[in-house]
Structures are given as structure tokens and as C-alpha cells.
Amino acid sequence: MRSYLFLTFLGLLVFFVGLFFFLLLHDTSDQSIESKAEWADLQNIESNLHSKPVTEATVVSVDDRAFLEIPGSTSSGFGLVVLLRAKAEPYYKQMPEGTYQLTQRDLAKVTASGVASSTVLAVLSSHTEPKPFYPAQP
């Protein structure tokens, strides 16, 4: 009987020690491992922009991720990069911060590529030049 109690106690002790270390080492931050990997890939693509000028919006695929390189008006004078389909929050990732303007043609090119999420397309469309308004001819 005493050996069963000892084994039960030992089993519970091992369980709680394992649970303690799991919770201690478990990533409980707001950003998941997937999100951190996406930010790292975004930073890598953005750092490559320093070696080449971005003259027009271009869809670039690296491994299983697609990015949009955009000529931007950032303080550094280099372009910026947007992840087109994020798997983890936040679902819109851009690096570096800055403003940009897309043409309707650029937005159509991204939409036609089929790799951008609806969230990213919505944000990109908010940075798109408005369609010209042509009043009806009399």
C-alpha cells in the first residue's frame, strides 16, 4: 500500500514539475512563433531593398511567402515591403513604416497574382490613387 502511495506521489510530482517547466518555457507573448518568422522574412526582404532601387510595385516570392515591394516615401528614401498573406496576427505587416501610394494598375497586378489576402488587399486599396472621375458627357 505504501508503494502505491509513493508511486502516486512521485507521478504527481513529475507531472507538476513538467507542467511548471512547460509554462515557464512556453511562448505566451502576443506574437506567435509564426508571426515572428513572418517579421524576420519581411525584415530580410526589406534589407535587400537597400541594394537595389524600387521603381515600381513588384510581387516577389521567397520560399512559401509572397511580398510586395513598393517605392515609398520613407525617411530613408528606400522602398518598403508588405507581406501579402500573413498566417499569424497581425494580418497586415509592412516594413519599414512609411506612406506609399499605389496606382490602380499596381493594385490590379497584386489582385491578379492571387497571393494577397483580403485584409492586405483592403489596406492596399486604401493607399491607391482614386479612379479619375469623368462626368457624363452631355
Protein backbone atom coordinates (compact mmCIF):
# COMPACT_ATOMS: atom_id res chain seq x y z
CA MET A 1 0.00 0.00 0.00
CA ARG A 2 2.82 2.39 0.85
CA SER A 3 4.50 1.75 -2.51
CA TYR A 4 1.29 2.75 -4.37
CA LEU A 5 1.10 6.00 -2.41
CA PHE A 6 4.78 6.67 -3.07
CA LEU A 7 4.39 5.99 -6.82
CA THR A 8 1.26 8.16 -6.96
CA PHE A 9 3.08 10.98 -5.17
CA LEU A 10 6.12 10.58 -7.44
CA GLY A 11 3.91 10.61 -10.55
CA LEU A 12 2.13 13.77 -9.43
CA LEU A 13 5.45 15.41 -8.61
CA VAL A 14 6.84 14.62 -12.07
CA PHE A 15 3.64 15.89 -13.67
CA PHE A 16 3.67 19.23 -11.83
CA VAL A 17 7.41 19.77 -12.36
CA GLY A 18 6.91 19.10 -16.09
CA LEU A 19 3.92 21.45 -16.17
CA PHE A 20 5.94 24.13 -14.39
CA PHE A 21 8.76 23.97 -16.96
CA PHE A 22 6.32 23.84 -19.86
CA LEU A 23 4.60 27.02 -18.71
CA LEU A 24 7.93 28.65 -17.94
CA LEU A 25 9.36 27.99 -21.41
CA HIS A 26 6.11 28.29 -23.37
CA ASP A 27 5.86 31.41 -25.55
CA THR A 28 2.92 33.31 -24.08
CA SER A 29 3.69 36.62 -25.76
CA ASP A 30 1.27 38.30 -28.14
CA GLN A 31 3.33 37.27 -31.14
CA SER A 32 3.40 33.62 -32.05
CA ILE A 33 6.40 31.83 -33.46
CA GLU A 34 4.79 32.02 -36.92
CA SER A 35 4.37 35.78 -36.62
CA LYS A 36 7.99 36.19 -35.56
CA ALA A 37 9.10 34.14 -38.58
CA GLU A 38 6.99 36.34 -40.87
CA TRP A 39 8.53 39.50 -39.40
CA ALA A 40 12.01 38.03 -39.87
CA ASP A 41 11.32 37.22 -43.53
CA LEU A 42 9.86 40.69 -44.03
CA GLN A 43 12.97 42.27 -42.50
CA ASN A 44 15.20 40.16 -44.76
CA ILE A 45 13.35 41.29 -47.91
CA GLU A 46 13.38 44.90 -46.69
CA SER A 47 17.13 44.83 -46.10
CA ASN A 48 17.62 43.66 -49.70
CA LEU A 49 15.90 46.84 -50.89
CA HIS A 50 18.89 48.87 -49.73
CA SER A 51 20.99 47.33 -52.51
CA LYS A 52 18.54 48.00 -55.34
CA PRO A 53 16.18 50.85 -56.11
CA VAL A 54 12.47 50.10 -56.25
CA THR A 55 10.95 51.88 -59.22
CA GLU A 56 7.58 50.12 -59.40
CA ALA A 57 5.43 47.88 -57.25
CA THR A 58 6.62 44.29 -57.68
CA VAL A 59 5.35 40.98 -56.30
CA VAL A 60 8.24 38.86 -55.04
CA SER A 61 8.02 35.24 -53.85
CA VAL A 62 10.51 33.81 -51.39
CA ASP A 63 10.03 30.22 -50.26
CA ASP A 64 6.34 29.96 -49.39
CA ARG A 65 5.73 33.66 -48.78
CA ALA A 66 4.83 36.46 -51.20
CA PHE A 67 5.77 40.10 -50.71
CA LEU A 68 5.02 43.37 -52.44
CA GLU A 69 7.95 45.73 -52.91
CA ILE A 70 6.70 49.29 -53.13
CA PRO A 71 8.53 52.51 -53.94
CA GLY A 72 7.92 54.51 -50.78
CA SER A 73 8.45 57.90 -49.35
CA THR A 74 10.16 56.67 -46.21
CA SER A 75 12.71 58.84 -44.46
CA SER A 76 15.48 56.53 -45.65
CA GLY A 77 14.49 57.05 -49.29
CA PHE A 78 14.24 53.29 -49.88
CA GLY A 79 11.12 51.38 -50.72
CA LEU A 80 9.04 49.32 -48.37
CA VAL A 81 7.73 45.77 -48.27
CA VAL A 82 4.31 44.31 -47.46
CA LEU A 83 3.68 40.65 -46.65
CA LEU A 84 0.80 39.66 -48.92
CA ARG A 85 -0.64 36.73 -46.94
CA ALA A 86 0.14 36.58 -43.23
CA LYS A 87 -0.73 33.39 -41.36
CA ALA A 88 -0.48 34.98 -37.92
CA GLU A 89 -1.63 38.23 -36.36
CA PRO A 90 -1.28 40.99 -37.26
CA TYR A 91 -2.56 40.10 -40.69
CA TYR A 92 -1.07 43.22 -42.29
CA LYS A 93 2.69 43.51 -41.96
CA GLN A 94 4.74 46.30 -43.54
CA MET A 95 8.37 47.25 -43.13
CA PRO A 96 9.55 49.94 -42.61
CA GLU A 97 6.79 52.23 -41.50
CA GLY A 98 6.02 54.89 -44.04
CA THR A 99 3.49 56.12 -46.51
CA TYR A 100 3.08 54.96 -50.04
CA GLN A 101 0.76 55.41 -52.98
CA LEU A 102 -0.21 52.66 -55.41
CA THR A 103 -1.73 53.08 -58.82
CA GLN A 104 -4.89 51.27 -59.90
CA ARG A 105 -2.66 49.24 -62.21
CA ASP A 106 -0.41 48.18 -59.29
CA LEU A 107 -3.43 47.10 -57.26
CA ALA A 108 -4.82 45.16 -60.23
CA LYS A 109 -1.46 43.42 -60.63
CA VAL A 110 -1.45 42.34 -56.97
CA THR A 111 -5.08 41.22 -57.15
CA ALA A 112 -4.43 39.22 -60.32
CA SER A 113 -1.48 37.44 -58.70
CA GLY A 114 -3.96 35.75 -56.33
CA VAL A 115 -1.50 35.66 -53.44
CA ALA A 116 -2.76 38.58 -51.36
CA SER A 117 -5.26 38.11 -48.55
CA SER A 118 -8.46 40.13 -48.46
CA THR A 119 -7.12 42.06 -45.46
CA VAL A 120 -3.99 43.11 -47.32
CA LEU A 121 -5.99 44.00 -50.44
CA ALA A 122 -8.24 46.22 -48.35
CA VAL A 123 -5.26 48.07 -46.87
CA LEU A 124 -3.56 48.36 -50.26
CA SER A 125 -6.73 49.74 -51.82
CA SER A 126 -6.81 52.45 -49.13
CA HIS A 127 -3.38 53.53 -50.43
CA THR A 128 -4.48 53.55 -54.06
CA GLU A 129 -4.93 56.65 -56.14
CA PRO A 130 -8.63 57.25 -56.66
CA LYS A 131 -10.04 56.41 -60.05
CA PRO A 132 -10.41 59.55 -62.12
CA PHE A 133 -13.93 60.90 -62.19
CA TYR A 134 -15.23 61.67 -65.63
CA PRO A 135 -18.59 63.45 -65.62
CA ALA A 136 -21.17 62.23 -68.08
CA GLN A 137 -20.91 63.88 -71.47
CA PRO A 138 -23.98 65.96 -72.46
